[in-house]
Amino acid sequence: MNRIFAPARRAARISGTLCAEDVTSPASRPPKSRRPPRKCNPALSRAASRASPATTRPSRRARHSFATRNASAARSGASSCRSTTPDKPGGNRAMAGIGSGARRKSVNSQSTGNRPRRLCFTARAQNSNRASMPGLSPIAQNLASILARIAAAAQNAGRKPEDITLVAVSKTHPPEAIAQALAAGQFTFGENRLQEAQAKFPDLLARHPKTRLHLIGALQTNKAKDAVKLCHMIESLDRPKLADAITTAAAAHGACPDLLIQINIGDEPQKSGIPTADAETFIRFMRTRFGPSLRGLMCIPPAGADPTPFFRHLTALADTHNLPIRSMGMSADFETAIHCGATHVRIGTALFGAR
């Protein structure tokens, strides 16, 4: 045993003697302007370290590593130590100690190349959170969900969500339901029947100047004057006689609302709209008559059929005639319509509930 410790004792004795001489010797004290020399001989210190049993004997090395690891683990559990983990981003669980061999991943780690993606809330997630907030009316929650779906559909189609206008179809629903939608931030509404719109909207329009009313149902020529006065957009222009009535009413009123031509995109005899065979000629004629007031096209695809080819047909017509608005898509198919180029979607049941 003495043979094992002898090199260490000898090195320590020599090193200590040299250190004492360096400290106590007046000649070794440098002036203040000079950096003081080393107090110990580095070569002898390294020799002493190499000869130390603490680093040469396996049992002492194991005890030393164990003590270091326990101390590190204890420090990691202190309140001042960062303890964020993927399981608990807020903290409260200590990270593994240094030297333990178990490395925990933090939220923004690591240098391994498998860096986790930064989490961010999309419009859909934001609106979903909004929908789950207590205190919102059912209509406000429905609106948040629909806006989230519109945003997701637009992004999936490579479009901007703000380029899609939601037309809330409020037919058969009372003014109280419309007031809830207004309180939730919806300002564009659609009505099928002019008489119903006249009963509900004059007061709402006076109290909410940002509100816009679209007439989306068939319009009789003798009601054109009232429609021009009340509505901001008429989406059901579909025959020359109605165009004549709107022209006369607009001249008397001093302004013309925005107009959309309704295309009978499925050529169904029971539906309103200009037949597809006459659409090109009618669009050119209406552009000559109404100029910039003619804003686009509207359609309702056949029920039960895949709406995609009908939506694409309407979009192609609008593109051919440089018309910016394509009003197509309802509660059951508005996401498909957005993918096909819709700028306005008309949604009633999904927002206000069953009629």
Protein backbone atom coordinates (compact mmCIF):
# COMPACT_ATOMS: atom_id res chain seq x y z
CA MET A 1 0.00 0.00 0.00
CA ASN A 2 2.93 2.34 0.83
CA ARG A 3 4.33 1.66 -2.62
CA ILE A 4 1.06 2.77 -4.22
CA PHE A 5 0.85 6.06 -2.34
CA ALA A 6 4.56 6.87 -2.40
CA PRO A 7 4.62 8.59 -5.82
CA ALA A 8 1.66 10.75 -4.89
CA ARG A 9 3.11 11.75 -1.53
CA ARG A 10 6.49 12.55 -3.06
CA ALA A 11 4.94 14.66 -5.82
CA ALA A 12 2.71 16.52 -3.38
CA ARG A 13 5.65 17.20 -1.03
CA ILE A 14 7.81 18.53 -3.85
CA SER A 15 4.94 20.59 -5.28
CA GLY A 16 4.12 22.04 -1.87
CA THR A 17 7.74 22.98 -1.26
CA LEU A 18 7.98 24.75 -4.58
CA CYS A 19 4.73 26.57 -3.99
CA ALA A 20 5.85 27.74 -0.56
CA GLU A 21 9.14 28.99 -1.95
CA ASP A 22 7.39 30.88 -4.74
CA VAL A 23 5.03 32.55 -2.31
CA THR A 24 7.46 33.43 0.48
CA SER A 25 10.51 34.37 -1.57
CA PRO A 26 10.82 38.20 -1.87
CA ALA A 27 12.64 37.85 -5.16
CA SER A 28 9.73 36.01 -6.66
CA ARG A 29 7.27 38.83 -6.00
CA PRO A 30 6.91 40.79 -9.27
CA PRO A 31 6.16 44.47 -9.49
CA LYS A 32 2.51 45.45 -9.78
CA SER A 33 2.85 46.15 -13.48
CA ARG A 34 3.84 42.55 -14.22
CA ARG A 35 1.62 39.46 -14.19
CA PRO A 36 2.54 37.20 -11.25
CA PRO A 37 4.12 33.86 -12.14
CA ARG A 38 2.40 30.55 -11.53
CA LYS A 39 2.48 29.56 -7.87
CA CYS A 40 2.88 25.86 -8.64
CA ASN A 41 4.93 23.93 -11.14
CA PRO A 42 2.44 22.61 -13.77
CA ALA A 43 4.57 19.61 -14.61
CA LEU A 44 4.75 18.47 -11.01
CA SER A 45 1.01 19.09 -10.51
CA ARG A 46 0.18 16.88 -13.49
CA ALA A 47 2.50 14.19 -12.17
CA ALA A 48 0.74 14.30 -8.81
CA SER A 49 -2.63 14.01 -10.47
CA ARG A 50 -1.56 11.01 -12.53
CA ALA A 51 -0.21 9.31 -9.42
CA SER A 52 -3.37 9.98 -7.38
CA PRO A 53 -5.23 6.79 -6.36
CA ALA A 54 -8.54 8.60 -6.87
CA THR A 55 -8.03 8.44 -10.60
CA THR A 56 -5.98 5.29 -10.94
CA ARG A 57 -7.99 2.82 -8.92
CA PRO A 58 -11.28 1.66 -10.57
CA SER A 59 -13.15 1.52 -7.27
CA ARG A 60 -12.26 5.12 -6.38
CA ARG A 61 -13.15 6.28 -9.90
CA ALA A 62 -16.55 4.59 -9.68
CA ARG A 63 -17.29 6.24 -6.31
CA HIS A 64 -16.19 9.59 -7.67
CA SER A 65 -18.51 9.30 -10.72
CA PHE A 66 -21.42 8.21 -8.52
CA ALA A 67 -21.00 11.19 -6.20
CA THR A 68 -20.76 13.60 -9.12
CA ARG A 69 -23.91 12.17 -10.73
CA ASN A 70 -25.90 12.39 -7.48
CA ALA A 71 -24.82 15.98 -6.97
CA SER A 72 -25.84 16.88 -10.52
CA ALA A 73 -29.24 15.24 -10.11
CA ALA A 74 -29.80 17.10 -6.86
CA ARG A 75 -28.91 20.39 -8.50
CA SER A 76 -31.25 19.67 -11.43
CA GLY A 77 -34.18 19.32 -9.01
CA ALA A 78 -33.65 22.78 -7.56
CA SER A 79 -36.27 25.43 -8.19
CA SER A 80 -33.83 27.56 -10.14
CA CYS A 81 -33.09 24.79 -12.63
CA ARG A 82 -34.93 24.71 -15.95
CA SER A 83 -37.22 21.68 -16.00
CA THR A 84 -39.18 22.04 -19.25
CA THR A 85 -40.01 18.77 -21.02
CA PRO A 86 -42.21 17.81 -23.99
CA ASP A 87 -44.58 16.02 -21.65
CA LYS A 88 -44.96 19.05 -19.40
CA PRO A 89 -44.01 22.26 -21.22
CA GLY A 90 -44.76 24.26 -18.08
CA GLY A 91 -42.09 22.45 -16.10
CA ASN A 92 -42.25 20.82 -12.63
CA ARG A 93 -40.20 17.73 -13.54
CA ALA A 94 -36.43 17.82 -13.18
CA MET A 95 -34.22 16.95 -16.07
CA ALA A 96 -31.89 13.97 -15.81
CA GLY A 97 -28.64 14.67 -14.06
CA ILE A 98 -25.44 15.32 -15.91
CA GLY A 99 -23.49 12.18 -16.52
CA SER A 100 -26.50 9.90 -16.06
CA GLY A 101 -26.55 8.86 -19.70
CA ALA A 102 -30.27 9.69 -19.99
CA ARG A 103 -30.80 12.90 -21.94
CA ARG A 104 -34.29 14.33 -22.00
CA LYS A 105 -35.48 16.41 -24.95
CA SER A 106 -36.64 19.91 -24.23
CA VAL A 107 -39.26 21.72 -26.32
CA ASN A 108 -36.73 23.37 -28.62
CA SER A 109 -34.00 20.69 -28.56
CA GLN A 110 -31.84 19.11 -29.89
CA SER A 111 -28.75 19.15 -32.02
CA THR A 112 -29.49 15.69 -33.44
CA GLY A 113 -31.18 16.94 -36.60
CA ASN A 114 -34.62 15.75 -35.44
CA ARG A 115 -35.65 19.17 -34.29
CA PRO A 116 -39.40 19.27 -33.58
CA ARG A 117 -41.52 21.55 -35.71
CA ARG A 118 -42.42 24.88 -34.16
CA LEU A 119 -46.04 24.79 -33.10
CA CYS A 120 -48.27 27.60 -34.34
CA PHE A 121 -52.01 28.14 -34.38
CA THR A 122 -53.65 28.19 -37.78
CA ALA A 123 -56.81 30.09 -38.49
CA ARG A 124 -58.74 26.89 -38.01
CA ALA A 125 -57.23 26.26 -34.57
CA GLN A 126 -57.80 29.85 -33.50
CA ASN A 127 -61.41 29.74 -34.50
CA SER A 128 -61.84 26.32 -32.87
CA ASN A 129 -60.53 27.79 -29.62
CA ARG A 130 -62.90 30.67 -30.03
CA ALA A 131 -65.80 28.26 -30.59
CA SER A 132 -64.98 26.43 -27.36
CA MET A 133 -65.00 29.60 -25.26
CA PRO A 134 -67.89 29.84 -22.80
CA GLY A 135 -70.39 32.64 -23.22
CA LEU A 136 -70.65 32.55 -27.01
CA SER A 137 -74.08 32.08 -28.54
CA PRO A 138 -74.69 28.95 -30.65
CA ILE A 139 -74.73 31.10 -33.78
CA ALA A 140 -71.39 32.67 -32.82
CA GLN A 141 -69.91 29.22 -32.27
CA ASN A 142 -71.25 28.03 -35.63
CA LEU A 143 -69.82 31.12 -37.31
CA ALA A 144 -66.38 30.47 -35.81
CA SER A 145 -66.45 26.88 -37.03
CA ILE A 146 -67.53 27.88 -40.55
CA LEU A 147 -64.87 30.57 -40.80
CA ALA A 148 -62.27 28.03 -39.72
CA ARG A 149 -63.42 25.62 -42.42
CA ILE A 150 -63.40 28.39 -45.03
CA ALA A 151 -59.85 29.34 -44.05
CA ALA A 152 -58.68 25.73 -44.18
CA ALA A 153 -60.31 25.14 -47.56
CA ALA A 154 -58.77 28.31 -48.98
CA GLN A 155 -55.30 27.42 -47.72
CA ASN A 156 -55.58 23.90 -49.09
CA ALA A 157 -56.47 25.41 -52.48
CA GLY A 158 -53.51 27.81 -52.32
CA ARG A 159 -55.77 30.83 -51.84
CA LYS A 160 -56.12 33.55 -49.22
CA PRO A 161 -58.98 33.10 -46.73
CA GLU A 162 -59.76 36.81 -46.87
CA ASP A 163 -60.64 36.44 -50.56
CA ILE A 164 -63.69 34.33 -49.63
CA THR A 165 -66.89 36.12 -48.55
CA LEU A 166 -69.39 34.31 -46.38
CA VAL A 167 -72.99 35.19 -47.26
CA ALA A 168 -75.11 34.20 -44.26
CA VAL A 169 -78.45 33.00 -45.65
CA SER A 170 -80.97 34.16 -43.07
CA LYS A 171 -84.21 33.26 -44.84
CA THR A 172 -87.00 32.13 -42.47
CA HIS A 173 -84.86 33.04 -39.45
CA PRO A 174 -85.97 35.86 -37.12
CA PRO A 175 -84.23 39.21 -36.67
CA GLU A 176 -82.93 38.01 -33.28
CA ALA A 177 -80.84 35.33 -35.01
CA ILE A 178 -79.46 37.91 -37.42
CA ALA A 179 -78.62 40.17 -34.47
CA GLN A 180 -76.60 37.34 -32.90
CA ALA A 181 -74.66 36.89 -36.12
CA LEU A 182 -74.04 40.63 -36.31
CA ALA A 183 -72.76 40.62 -32.72
CA ALA A 184 -70.37 37.82 -33.69
CA GLY A 185 -68.95 39.86 -36.59
CA GLN A 186 -70.94 38.65 -39.62
CA PHE A 187 -72.12 41.54 -41.82
CA THR A 188 -73.08 39.99 -45.19
CA PHE A 189 -76.50 38.32 -45.40
CA GLY A 190 -78.60 36.72 -48.11
CA GLU A 191 -82.40 36.53 -48.41
CA ASN A 192 -84.43 34.52 -50.88
CA ARG A 193 -87.66 36.52 -50.75
CA LEU A 194 -87.79 40.28 -51.06
CA GLN A 195 -90.91 40.57 -48.88
CA GLU A 196 -89.16 38.81 -46.00
CA ALA A 197 -86.10 40.99 -46.40
CA GLN A 198 -88.27 44.11 -46.28
CA ALA A 199 -89.77 42.94 -42.99
CA LYS A 200 -86.45 42.21 -41.27
CA PHE A 201 -83.64 44.34 -42.62
CA PRO A 202 -84.53 48.07 -42.78
CA ASP A 203 -84.05 48.50 -39.02
CA LEU A 204 -80.97 46.28 -38.93
CA LEU A 205 -79.37 48.18 -41.81
CA ALA A 206 -80.03 51.49 -40.03
CA ARG A 207 -78.42 50.26 -36.80
CA HIS A 208 -75.51 48.46 -38.49
CA PRO A 209 -74.23 50.53 -41.45
CA LYS A 210 -71.58 47.94 -42.35
CA THR A 211 -74.25 45.34 -43.13
CA ARG A 212 -74.70 44.24 -46.74
CA LEU A 213 -77.83 42.50 -48.02
CA HIS A 214 -77.84 40.16 -51.02
CA LEU A 215 -80.99 39.00 -52.77
CA ILE A 216 -80.22 35.42 -53.78
CA GLY A 217 -83.69 34.20 -54.78
CA ALA A 218 -85.77 34.70 -57.90
CA LEU A 219 -86.90 38.31 -58.41
CA GLN A 220 -90.14 39.32 -60.08
CA THR A 221 -89.97 42.28 -62.41
CA ASN A 222 -92.62 44.21 -60.45
CA LYS A 223 -90.40 43.95 -57.33
CA ALA A 224 -87.27 45.28 -59.01
CA LYS A 225 -87.80 48.83 -57.74
CA ASP A 226 -87.95 47.73 -54.10
CA ALA A 227 -85.00 45.39 -54.56
CA VAL A 228 -82.83 48.15 -56.00
CA LYS A 229 -83.63 50.39 -53.01
CA LEU A 230 -83.02 47.79 -50.30
CA CYS A 231 -80.34 45.40 -51.55
CA HIS A 232 -76.62 45.92 -52.07
CA MET A 233 -76.39 43.01 -54.51
CA ILE A 234 -78.89 41.10 -56.64
CA GLU A 235 -77.52 37.63 -57.43
CA SER A 236 -80.43 36.40 -59.57
CA LEU A 237 -80.34 38.37 -62.81
CA ASP A 238 -81.45 35.74 -65.31
CA ARG A 239 -83.56 37.20 -68.15
CA PRO A 240 -83.81 40.29 -70.37
CA LYS A 241 -87.14 41.48 -68.88
CA LEU A 242 -85.65 41.56 -65.40
CA ALA A 243 -82.67 43.47 -66.77
CA ASP A 244 -85.07 46.06 -68.22
CA ALA A 245 -86.86 46.41 -64.87
CA ILE A 246 -83.59 46.82 -62.95
CA THR A 247 -82.36 49.43 -65.43
CA THR A 248 -85.53 51.49 -64.97
CA ALA A 249 -85.45 51.16 -61.18
CA ALA A 250 -81.78 52.08 -60.98
CA ALA A 251 -82.36 55.20 -63.07
CA ALA A 252 -85.19 56.28 -60.76
CA HIS A 253 -83.19 55.48 -57.61
CA GLY A 254 -80.00 57.11 -58.85
CA ALA A 255 -77.82 54.06 -58.21
CA CYS A 256 -77.58 50.47 -59.30
CA PRO A 257 -76.70 47.62 -56.93
CA ASP A 258 -74.05 45.09 -57.80
CA LEU A 259 -75.41 42.38 -60.07
CA LEU A 260 -74.67 38.69 -60.59
CA ILE A 261 -76.04 36.63 -63.46
CA GLN A 262 -77.58 33.38 -62.31
CA ILE A 263 -76.58 30.51 -64.58
CA ASN A 264 -78.77 27.38 -64.69
CA ILE A 265 -75.56 25.39 -64.58
CA GLY A 266 -77.30 22.00 -64.71
CA ASP A 267 -79.95 23.09 -67.24
CA GLU A 268 -82.69 21.92 -64.87
CA PRO A 269 -86.21 22.95 -65.97
CA GLN A 270 -87.43 23.56 -62.41
CA LYS A 271 -84.66 26.06 -61.58
CA SER A 272 -84.19 29.72 -62.38
CA GLY A 273 -81.19 30.95 -64.30
CA ILE A 274 -80.08 31.54 -67.84
CA PRO A 275 -79.49 28.24 -69.73
CA THR A 276 -75.87 27.38 -70.32
CA ALA A 277 -76.39 27.48 -74.11
CA ASP A 278 -77.40 31.16 -73.88
CA ALA A 279 -74.96 32.16 -71.15
CA GLU A 280 -72.18 33.59 -73.33
CA THR A 281 -74.50 35.87 -75.31
CA PHE A 282 -76.43 36.99 -72.24
CA ILE A 283 -73.24 37.84 -70.29
CA ARG A 284 -71.93 40.01 -73.13
CA PHE A 285 -75.29 41.78 -73.43
CA MET A 286 -75.46 42.48 -69.67
CA ARG A 287 -71.90 43.80 -69.61
CA THR A 288 -72.79 46.29 -72.30
CA ARG A 289 -75.91 47.38 -70.40
CA PHE A 290 -74.67 47.52 -66.79
CA GLY A 291 -70.94 48.01 -67.18
CA PRO A 292 -69.03 47.73 -63.86
CA SER A 293 -72.25 47.01 -61.93
CA LEU A 294 -72.17 43.50 -63.39
CA ARG A 295 -69.78 41.81 -60.99
CA GLY A 296 -69.98 38.09 -61.60
CA LEU A 297 -71.95 34.86 -61.84
CA MET A 298 -74.00 32.67 -59.51
CA CYS A 299 -75.13 29.05 -59.74
CA ILE A 300 -76.80 26.21 -57.86
CA PRO A 301 -75.58 22.76 -59.03
CA PRO A 302 -77.98 19.83 -59.34
CA ALA A 303 -78.85 18.15 -56.05
CA GLY A 304 -77.28 14.74 -55.51
CA ALA A 305 -74.64 15.16 -58.22
CA ASP A 306 -70.94 15.82 -57.88
CA PRO A 307 -70.81 19.64 -57.89
CA THR A 308 -67.18 19.87 -59.01
CA PRO A 309 -67.71 19.96 -62.82
CA PHE A 310 -70.52 22.50 -62.45
CA PHE A 311 -68.41 24.75 -60.23
CA ARG A 312 -65.52 24.54 -62.66
CA HIS A 313 -67.82 25.40 -65.56
CA LEU A 314 -68.99 28.55 -63.78
CA THR A 315 -65.43 29.55 -62.95
CA ALA A 316 -64.40 29.12 -66.58
CA LEU A 317 -67.28 31.34 -67.71
CA ALA A 318 -66.34 34.03 -65.20
CA ASP A 319 -62.68 33.89 -66.26
CA THR A 320 -63.60 34.14 -69.93
CA HIS A 321 -65.53 37.37 -69.32
CA ASN A 322 -63.19 38.80 -66.65
CA LEU A 323 -65.86 38.75 -63.93
CA PRO A 324 -64.33 38.69 -60.43
CA ILE A 325 -67.21 37.20 -58.38
CA ARG A 326 -68.25 33.52 -58.45
CA SER A 327 -71.08 32.90 -55.98
CA MET A 328 -71.35 29.15 -55.56
CA GLY A 329 -71.36 26.61 -52.77
CA MET A 330 -73.72 26.13 -49.84
CA SER A 331 -73.62 24.35 -46.46
CA ALA A 332 -73.03 20.89 -47.94
CA ASP A 333 -70.45 21.74 -50.61
CA PHE A 334 -68.88 25.13 -49.96
CA GLU A 335 -65.41 23.66 -49.39
CA THR A 336 -65.52 22.04 -52.83
CA ALA A 337 -66.70 25.34 -54.28
CA ILE A 338 -63.75 27.18 -52.70
CA HIS A 339 -61.38 24.64 -54.21
CA CYS A 340 -62.98 25.31 -57.61
CA GLY A 341 -62.67 29.10 -57.37
CA ALA A 342 -65.67 30.42 -55.40
CA THR A 343 -65.34 33.94 -54.03
CA HIS A 344 -68.75 33.94 -52.26
CA VAL A 345 -70.29 30.99 -50.44
CA ARG A 346 -73.94 31.07 -49.33
CA ILE A 347 -74.39 29.26 -46.01
CA GLY A 348 -77.61 29.11 -44.00
CA THR A 349 -78.27 25.78 -42.28
CA ALA A 350 -74.73 25.30 -40.96
CA LEU A 351 -74.87 28.77 -39.42
CA PHE A 352 -78.43 29.33 -38.24
CA GLY A 353 -79.59 25.72 -37.93
CA ALA A 354 -82.45 23.91 -39.62
CA ARG A 355 -85.32 26.06 -40.82
